[in-house]
C-alpha atoms as a PDB file:
ATOM      1  CA  MET A   1     136.284 168.176 104.009  1.00  0.00           C
ATOM      2  CA  ILE A   2     136.532 166.072 107.197  1.00  0.00           C
ATOM      3  CA  ASN A   3     139.767 164.084 107.446  1.00  0.00           C
ATOM      4  CA  ILE A   4     139.452 160.604 108.952  1.00  0.00           C
ATOM      5  CA  GLU A   5     142.718 158.810 109.692  1.00  0.00           C
ATOM      6  CA  TYR A   6     141.025 155.618 110.888  1.00  0.00           C
ATOM      7  CA  LEU A   7     137.454 154.673 110.060  1.00  0.00           C
ATOM      8  CA  ALA A   8     136.225 151.540 111.832  1.00  0.00           C
ATOM      9  CA  ILE A   9     133.659 149.661 109.747  1.00  0.00           C
ATOM     10  CA  ILE A  10     131.433 147.138 111.492  1.00  0.00           C
ATOM     11  CA  PRO A  11     129.389 145.024 109.058  1.00  0.00           C
ATOM     12  CA  ALA A  12     126.361 143.395 110.707  1.00  0.00           C
ATOM     13  CA  ARG A  13     123.567 142.042 108.527  1.00  0.00           C
ATOM     14  CA  GLY A  14     120.178 141.405 110.070  1.00  0.00           C
ATOM     15  CA  ASN A  15     119.791 137.860 108.849  1.00  0.00           C
ATOM     16  CA  SER A  16     122.241 134.990 108.805  1.00  0.00           C
ATOM     17  CA  LYS A  17     121.952 131.878 106.672  1.00  0.00           C
ATOM     18  CA  ARG A  18     123.222 129.439 109.332  1.00  0.00           C
ATOM     19  CA  ILE A  19     122.168 131.081 112.600  1.00  0.00           C
ATOM     20  CA  LYS A  20     119.112 133.327 112.891  1.00  0.00           C
ATOM     21  CA  ASN A  21     119.935 136.830 114.237  1.00  0.00           C
ATOM     22  CA  LYS A  22     123.542 135.761 114.800  1.00  0.00           C
ATOM     23  CA  ASN A  23     124.815 139.316 115.318  1.00  0.00           C
ATOM     24  CA  LEU A  24     122.304 139.867 118.145  1.00  0.00           C
ATOM     25  CA  ILE A  25     123.383 136.824 120.166  1.00  0.00           C
ATOM     26  CA  LYS A  26     124.134 137.813 123.761  1.00  0.00           C
ATOM     27  CA  PHE A  27     127.422 137.155 125.540  1.00  0.00           C
ATOM     28  CA  LYS A  28     127.874 138.434 129.096  1.00  0.00           C
ATOM     29  CA  LYS A  29     124.583 140.345 128.789  1.00  0.00           C
ATOM     30  CA  LYS A  30     125.681 142.241 125.658  1.00  0.00           C
ATOM     31  CA  THR A  31     124.874 141.517 122.032  1.00  0.00           C
ATOM     32  CA  LEU A  32     127.816 140.763 119.737  1.00  0.00           C
ATOM     33  CA  VAL A  33     127.268 144.190 118.124  1.00  0.00           C
ATOM     34  CA  GLU A  34     127.486 145.910 121.517  1.00  0.00           C
ATOM     35  CA  HIS A  35     130.692 144.021 122.380  1.00  0.00           C
ATOM     36  CA  THR A  36     132.485 145.377 119.314  1.00  0.00           C
ATOM     37  CA  LEU A  37     131.182 148.931 119.745  1.00  0.00           C
ATOM     38  CA  SER A  38     132.100 148.912 123.445  1.00  0.00           C
ATOM     39  CA  GLU A  39     135.675 147.751 122.862  1.00  0.00           C
ATOM     40  CA  ILE A  40     136.472 150.464 120.303  1.00  0.00           C
ATOM     41  CA  LYS A  41     134.494 153.499 121.455  1.00  0.00           C
ATOM     42  CA  ASP A  42     137.431 154.843 123.515  1.00  0.00           C
ATOM     43  CA  ILE A  43     140.275 154.012 121.121  1.00  0.00           C
ATOM     44  CA  LYS A  44     141.716 157.443 120.353  1.00  0.00           C
ATOM     45  CA  LYS A  45     143.101 156.498 116.940  1.00  0.00           C
ATOM     46  CA  ILE A  46     139.603 155.689 115.679  1.00  0.00           C
ATOM     47  CA  ASP A  47     137.995 158.919 114.483  1.00  0.00           C
ATOM     48  CA  LEU A  48     134.674 157.478 113.349  1.00  0.00           C
ATOM     49  CA  ILE A  49     132.771 154.185 113.537  1.00  0.00           C
ATOM     50  CA  ALA A  50     130.444 153.124 110.716  1.00  0.00           C
ATOM     51  CA  LEU A  51     127.903 150.451 111.627  1.00  0.00           C
ATOM     52  CA  THR A  52     126.545 149.104 108.335  1.00  0.00           C
ATOM     53  CA  SER A  53     123.377 147.018 108.489  1.00  0.00           C
ATOM     54  CA  ASP A  54     120.000 146.365 106.912  1.00  0.00           C
ATOM     55  CA  SER A  55     118.486 145.742 110.365  1.00  0.00           C
ATOM     56  CA  LYS A  56     116.647 148.428 112.349  1.00  0.00           C
ATOM     57  CA  LYS A  57     117.336 146.510 115.591  1.00  0.00           C
ATOM     58  CA  ILE A  58     121.087 146.525 114.944  1.00  0.00           C
ATOM     59  CA  LEU A  59     121.189 150.176 113.850  1.00  0.00           C
ATOM     60  CA  LYS A  60     119.266 151.130 116.999  1.00  0.00           C
ATOM     61  CA  ILE A  61     122.198 149.780 119.036  1.00  0.00           C
ATOM     62  CA  GLY A  62     124.583 152.049 117.122  1.00  0.00           C
ATOM     63  CA  LYS A  63     122.663 155.142 118.266  1.00  0.00           C
ATOM     64  CA  LYS A  64     123.879 154.526 121.840  1.00  0.00           C
ATOM     65  CA  PHE A  65     127.513 155.205 120.890  1.00  0.00           C
ATOM     66  CA  LYS A  66     128.776 158.755 120.256  1.00  0.00           C
ATOM     67  CA  LYS A  67     131.391 158.076 117.551  1.00  0.00           C
ATOM     68  CA  CYS A  68     129.098 155.713 115.670  1.00  0.00           C
ATOM     69  CA  MET A  69     127.400 156.613 112.383  1.00  0.00           C
ATOM     70  CA  ASN A  70     124.659 154.279 111.185  1.00  0.00           C
ATOM     71  CA  ILE A  71     124.804 153.203 107.548  1.00  0.00           C
ATOM     72  CA  ASN A  72     121.592 151.790 106.095  1.00  0.00           C
ATOM     73  CA  ARG A  73     122.795 148.993 103.859  1.00  0.00           C
ATOM     74  CA  PRO A  74     120.683 148.475 100.707  1.00  0.00           C
ATOM     75  CA  ALA A  75     118.890 145.150 100.231  1.00  0.00           C
ATOM     76  CA  ASN A  76     120.880 144.320  97.083  1.00  0.00           C
ATOM     77  CA  ILE A  77     124.102 144.072  99.131  1.00  0.00           C
ATOM     78  CA  SER A  78     122.510 142.530 102.230  1.00  0.00           C
ATOM     79  CA  ASN A  79     121.792 139.013 101.038  1.00  0.00           C
ATOM     80  CA  SER A  80     123.713 135.783 101.595  1.00  0.00           C
ATOM     81  CA  ASN A  81     125.617 136.248  98.317  1.00  0.00           C
ATOM     82  CA  SER A  82     126.804 139.755  99.177  1.00  0.00           C
ATOM     83  CA  SER A  83     130.442 140.200 100.123  1.00  0.00           C
ATOM     84  CA  THR A  84     131.895 142.217 102.971  1.00  0.00           C
ATOM     85  CA  GLU A  85     133.749 144.179 100.282  1.00  0.00           C
ATOM     86  CA  ASP A  86     130.357 145.333  98.949  1.00  0.00           C
ATOM     87  CA  ALA A  87     129.499 146.768 102.367  1.00  0.00           C
ATOM     88  CA  ILE A  88     132.928 148.431 102.714  1.00  0.00           C
ATOM     89  CA  SER A  89     132.696 150.019  99.259  1.00  0.00           C
ATOM     90  CA  HIS A  90     129.149 151.266  99.897  1.00  0.00           C
ATOM     91  CA  THR A  91     130.240 152.822 103.213  1.00  0.00           C
ATOM     92  CA  ILE A  92     133.297 154.552 101.716  1.00  0.00           C
ATOM     93  CA  ASN A  93     131.294 155.961  98.788  1.00  0.00           C
ATOM     94  CA  LEU A  94     128.511 157.229 101.042  1.00  0.00           C
ATOM     95  CA  LEU A  95     130.934 158.995 103.418  1.00  0.00           C
ATOM     96  CA  GLU A  96     133.009 160.494 100.617  1.00  0.00           C
ATOM     97  CA  ASN A  97     129.838 161.893  99.077  1.00  0.00           C
ATOM     98  CA  ILE A  98     129.232 163.843 102.283  1.00  0.00           C
ATOM     99  CA  GLN A  99     132.797 165.221 102.314  1.00  0.00           C
ATOM    100  CA  TYR A 100     134.685 162.718 104.462  1.00  0.00           C
ATOM    101  CA  LYS A 101     138.257 161.956 103.370  1.00  0.00           C
ATOM    102  CA  ILE A 102     139.237 158.495 104.654  1.00  0.00           C
ATOM    103  CA  LYS A 103     142.853 157.366 104.958  1.00  0.00           C
ATOM    104  CA  ASN A 104     142.605 153.918 106.585  1.00  0.00           C
ATOM    105  CA  ILE A 105     139.894 151.363 107.299  1.00  0.00           C
ATOM    106  CA  ILE A 106     139.699 149.107 110.362  1.00  0.00           C
ATOM    107  CA  LEU A 107     137.321 146.256 109.592  1.00  0.00           C
ATOM    108  CA  LEU A 108     135.906 144.541 112.677  1.00  0.00           C
ATOM    109  CA  GLN A 109     133.487 141.634 112.459  1.00  0.00           C
ATOM    110  CA  VAL A 110     131.137 141.322 115.433  1.00  0.00           C
ATOM    111  CA  THR A 111     131.436 137.528 115.392  1.00  0.00           C
ATOM    112  CA  SER A 112     134.823 137.812 117.155  1.00  0.00           C
ATOM    113  CA  PRO A 113     133.648 138.645 120.710  1.00  0.00           C
ATOM    114  CA  LEU A 114     136.866 137.448 122.402  1.00  0.00           C
ATOM    115  CA  ARG A 115     139.034 139.915 120.480  1.00  0.00           C
ATOM    116  CA  SER A 116     140.292 142.590 122.906  1.00  0.00           C
ATOM    117  CA  LYS A 117     140.702 146.351 122.764  1.00  0.00           C
ATOM    118  CA  LYS A 118     144.426 145.748 123.304  1.00  0.00           C
ATOM    119  CA  ASP A 119     144.554 143.540 120.204  1.00  0.00           C
ATOM    120  CA  ILE A 120     143.097 146.328 118.073  1.00  0.00           C
ATOM    121  CA  ILE A 121     145.449 148.982 119.494  1.00  0.00           C
ATOM    122  CA  ASN A 122     148.520 146.766 119.025  1.00  0.00           C
ATOM    123  CA  CYS A 123     147.439 145.889 115.498  1.00  0.00           C
ATOM    124  CA  ILE A 124     147.232 149.618 114.651  1.00  0.00           C
ATOM    125  CA  LYS A 125     150.711 150.141 116.130  1.00  0.00           C
ATOM    126  CA  LYS A 126     152.220 147.367 113.995  1.00  0.00           C
ATOM    127  CA  PHE A 127     150.444 148.707 110.902  1.00  0.00           C
ATOM    128  CA  GLU A 128     151.976 152.151 111.504  1.00  0.00           C
ATOM    129  CA  ASN A 129     155.437 151.076 112.685  1.00  0.00           C
ATOM    130  CA  LYS A 130     156.009 148.802 109.698  1.00  0.00           C
ATOM    131  CA  LYS A 131     154.449 151.323 107.266  1.00  0.00           C
ATOM    132  CA  LEU A 132     152.100 148.710 105.839  1.00  0.00           C
ATOM    133  CA  LYS A 133     149.223 149.028 103.411  1.00  0.00           C
ATOM    134  CA  SER A 134     147.324 146.258 105.160  1.00  0.00           C
ATOM    135  CA  ILE A 135     147.465 143.923 108.143  1.00  0.00           C
ATOM    136  CA  PHE A 136     145.186 141.114 109.285  1.00  0.00           C
ATOM    137  CA  SER A 137     144.852 139.024 112.442  1.00  0.00           C
ATOM    138  CA  CYS A 138     145.726 135.340 112.549  1.00  0.00           C
ATOM    139  CA  TYR A 139     146.397 132.516 114.941  1.00  0.00           C
ATOM    140  CA  LYS A 140     149.264 130.067 114.614  1.00  0.00           C
ATOM    141  CA  LYS A 141     148.923 126.297 114.737  1.00  0.00           C
ATOM    142  CA  LYS A 142     150.843 123.147 113.886  1.00  0.00           C
ATOM    143  CA  SER A 143     148.409 120.683 112.418  1.00  0.00           C
ATOM    144  CA  PHE A 144     148.386 117.313 110.670  1.00  0.00           C
ATOM    145  CA  ALA A 145     146.189 118.558 107.839  1.00  0.00           C
ATOM    146  CA  TRP A 146     144.731 116.691 104.872  1.00  0.00           C
ATOM    147  CA  GLU A 147     142.777 117.716 101.778  1.00  0.00           C
ATOM    148  CA  LYS A 148     140.321 115.662  99.761  1.00  0.00           C
ATOM    149  CA  LYS A 149     140.495 115.701  95.980  1.00  0.00           C
ATOM    150  CA  HIS A 150     137.709 113.745  94.329  1.00  0.00           C
ATOM    151  CA  LYS A 151     137.873 110.393  96.153  1.00  0.00           C
ATOM    152  CA  SER A 152     141.494 110.522  97.266  1.00  0.00           C
ATOM    153  CA  LEU A 153     143.109 112.051 100.362  1.00  0.00           C
ATOM    154  CA  LYS A 154     146.419 113.893 100.465  1.00  0.00           C
ATOM    155  CA  SER A 155     148.412 114.997 103.523  1.00  0.00           C
ATOM    156  CA  ILE A 156     149.320 118.640 102.924  1.00  0.00           C
ATOM    157  CA  THR A 157     151.302 119.688 106.004  1.00  0.00           C
ATOM    158  CA  TYR A 158     153.458 116.583 106.417  1.00  0.00           C
ATOM    159  CA  ASN A 159     154.450 113.364 104.669  1.00  0.00           C
ATOM    160  CA  PHE A 160     152.368 110.585 106.234  1.00  0.00           C
ATOM    161  CA  ASN A 161     154.939 108.029 105.023  1.00  0.00           C
ATOM    162  CA  LYS A 162     157.572 109.737 107.187  1.00  0.00           C
ATOM    163  CA  ARG A 163     155.489 110.954 110.089  1.00  0.00           C
ATOM    164  CA  THR A 164     157.272 113.495 112.268  1.00  0.00           C
ATOM    165  CA  ILE A 165     156.642 114.974 115.731  1.00  0.00           C
ATOM    166  CA  SER A 166     154.555 118.143 115.752  1.00  0.00           C
ATOM    167  CA  GLN A 167     157.428 120.229 117.187  1.00  0.00           C
ATOM    168  CA  LYS A 168     159.322 119.775 113.924  1.00  0.00           C
ATOM    169  CA  MET A 169     156.385 120.752 111.725  1.00  0.00           C
ATOM    170  CA  LYS A 170     156.029 124.165 110.132  1.00  0.00           C
ATOM    171  CA  SER A 171     153.482 126.461 111.717  1.00  0.00           C
ATOM    172  CA  LEU A 172     150.399 127.403 109.729  1.00  0.00           C
ATOM    173  CA  PHE A 173     148.803 130.834 110.052  1.00  0.00           C
ATOM    174  CA  PHE A 174     145.012 131.005 109.907  1.00  0.00           C
ATOM    175  CA  GLU A 175     143.065 134.226 109.266  1.00  0.00           C
ATOM    176  CA  ASN A 176     140.625 134.557 112.143  1.00  0.00           C
ATOM    177  CA  GLY A 177     138.492 137.395 110.735  1.00  0.00           C
ATOM    178  CA  ALA A 178     138.857 139.487 113.900  1.00  0.00           C
ATOM    179  CA  ILE A 179     140.850 142.503 112.630  1.00  0.00           C
ATOM    180  CA  TYR A 180     141.728 143.890 109.207  1.00  0.00           C
ATOM    181  CA  ILE A 181     143.388 147.268 108.678  1.00  0.00           C
ATOM    182  CA  PHE A 182     144.012 148.613 105.193  1.00  0.00           C
ATOM    183  CA  ASP A 183     144.590 151.709 103.092  1.00  0.00           C
ATOM    184  CA  ALA A 184     141.250 153.092 101.845  1.00  0.00           C
ATOM    185  CA  GLU A 185     142.510 154.351  98.455  1.00  0.00           C
ATOM    186  CA  LYS A 186     144.263 151.059  97.711  1.00  0.00           C
ATOM    187  CA  PHE A 187     141.080 149.179  98.594  1.00  0.00           C
ATOM    188  CA  LYS A 188     139.093 151.286  96.118  1.00  0.00           C
ATOM    189  CA  LYS A 189     141.538 150.380  93.351  1.00  0.00           C
ATOM    190  CA  ASN A 190     141.845 146.660  94.156  1.00  0.00           C
ATOM    191  CA  TYR A 191     138.498 145.852  95.848  1.00  0.00           C
ATOM    192  CA  ASN A 192     140.560 143.763  98.250  1.00  0.00           C
ATOM    193  CA  ARG A 193     141.270 144.164 101.963  1.00  0.00           C
ATOM    194  CA  ILE A 194     144.732 142.521 101.728  1.00  0.00           C
ATOM    195  CA  ILE A 195     147.151 144.855  99.946  1.00  0.00           C
ATOM    196  CA  LYS A 196     150.942 144.679  99.611  1.00  0.00           C
ATOM    197  CA  PRO A 197     153.019 145.372 101.613  1.00  0.00           C
ATOM    198  CA  PHE A 198     151.098 143.475 104.297  1.00  0.00           C
ATOM    199  CA  ASP A 199     151.815 141.552 107.483  1.00  0.00           C
ATOM    200  CA  ILE A 200     149.941 139.570 110.108  1.00  0.00           C
ATOM    201  CA  TYR A 201     148.997 140.313 113.706  1.00  0.00           C
ATOM    202  CA  LEU A 202     149.082 137.210 115.903  1.00  0.00           C
ATOM    203  CA  MET A 203     146.315 136.379 118.354  1.00  0.00           C
ATOM    204  CA  ASP A 204     145.901 133.206 120.398  1.00  0.00           C
ATOM    205  CA  GLU A 205     143.547 130.518 119.132  1.00  0.00           C
ATOM    206  CA  ILE A 206     140.940 130.953 121.894  1.00  0.00           C
ATOM    207  CA  SER A 207     140.646 134.710 121.305  1.00  0.00           C
ATOM    208  CA  SER A 208     140.264 133.926 117.608  1.00  0.00           C
ATOM    209  CA  LEU A 209     136.890 132.217 118.075  1.00  0.00           C
ATOM    210  CA  ASP A 210     134.617 133.209 115.165  1.00  0.00           C
ATOM    211  CA  ILE A 211     130.915 132.633 115.776  1.00  0.00           C
ATOM    212  CA  ASP A 212     129.694 130.835 112.669  1.00  0.00           C
ATOM    213  CA  THR A 213     128.000 127.637 113.888  1.00  0.00           C
ATOM    214  CA  LYS A 214     125.839 126.483 116.805  1.00  0.00           C
ATOM    215  CA  GLU A 215     128.893 124.695 118.209  1.00  0.00           C
ATOM    216  CA  ASP A 216     130.734 128.059 118.291  1.00  0.00           C
ATOM    217  CA  ILE A 217     127.839 129.506 120.312  1.00  0.00           C
ATOM    218  CA  ARG A 218     128.040 126.627 122.786  1.00  0.00           C
ATOM    219  CA  LEU A 219     131.773 127.247 123.220  1.00  0.00           C
ATOM    220  CA  LEU A 220     131.159 130.951 123.755  1.00  0.00           C
ATOM    221  CA  LYS A 221     128.451 130.350 126.369  1.00  0.00           C
ATOM    222  CA  LYS A 222     130.851 128.178 128.352  1.00  0.00           C
ATOM    223  CA  MET A 223     133.086 131.248 128.759  1.00  0.00           C
ATOM    224  CA  GLU A 224     130.413 133.437 130.349  1.00  0.00           C
END
């Protein structure tokens, strides 16, 4: 039995519905997959990295990194309707079948190229110090937000009849998808990456950029 305190899982499908080959987009001469692998390869707390993909091109990148194990993701959990939880569960089951005992999972999406190594290390520290079962990264923002229900609009973060200054508004916390850490056994029971007791790890809004649209790519290219 091989004990793994922290397994980093990097999900990276070959095809993307909105942007073709999104995970292979280059930023500062590295693909998004390479950025994530590069930032975690020397983090001592991470015992093993699992790169899960249905793409030969993406898995070929994983072979360049010593701590990285390639996971061939089956086609039935590699389509646009497949969840990240499907990929996590498949990875855990595969590794446990070859005698790995996993304590905690660090889920890192490659579409967060501005996330830093320091963010990941500090997130692990908070997870341990507060004795949490899960933690996830967010950014904080005060926003005049509305929601649309049928044909009507409703202000949800303030009363538009008594408009206030933004300094007096409550802050909202937005999941940015950059970092999730959670207990592996609890995940298996709940099929959920957010498990009580949990907390958040704050990142700034710029570092929280998640590449999901062509506009996100344009913003990223401006930072090269």
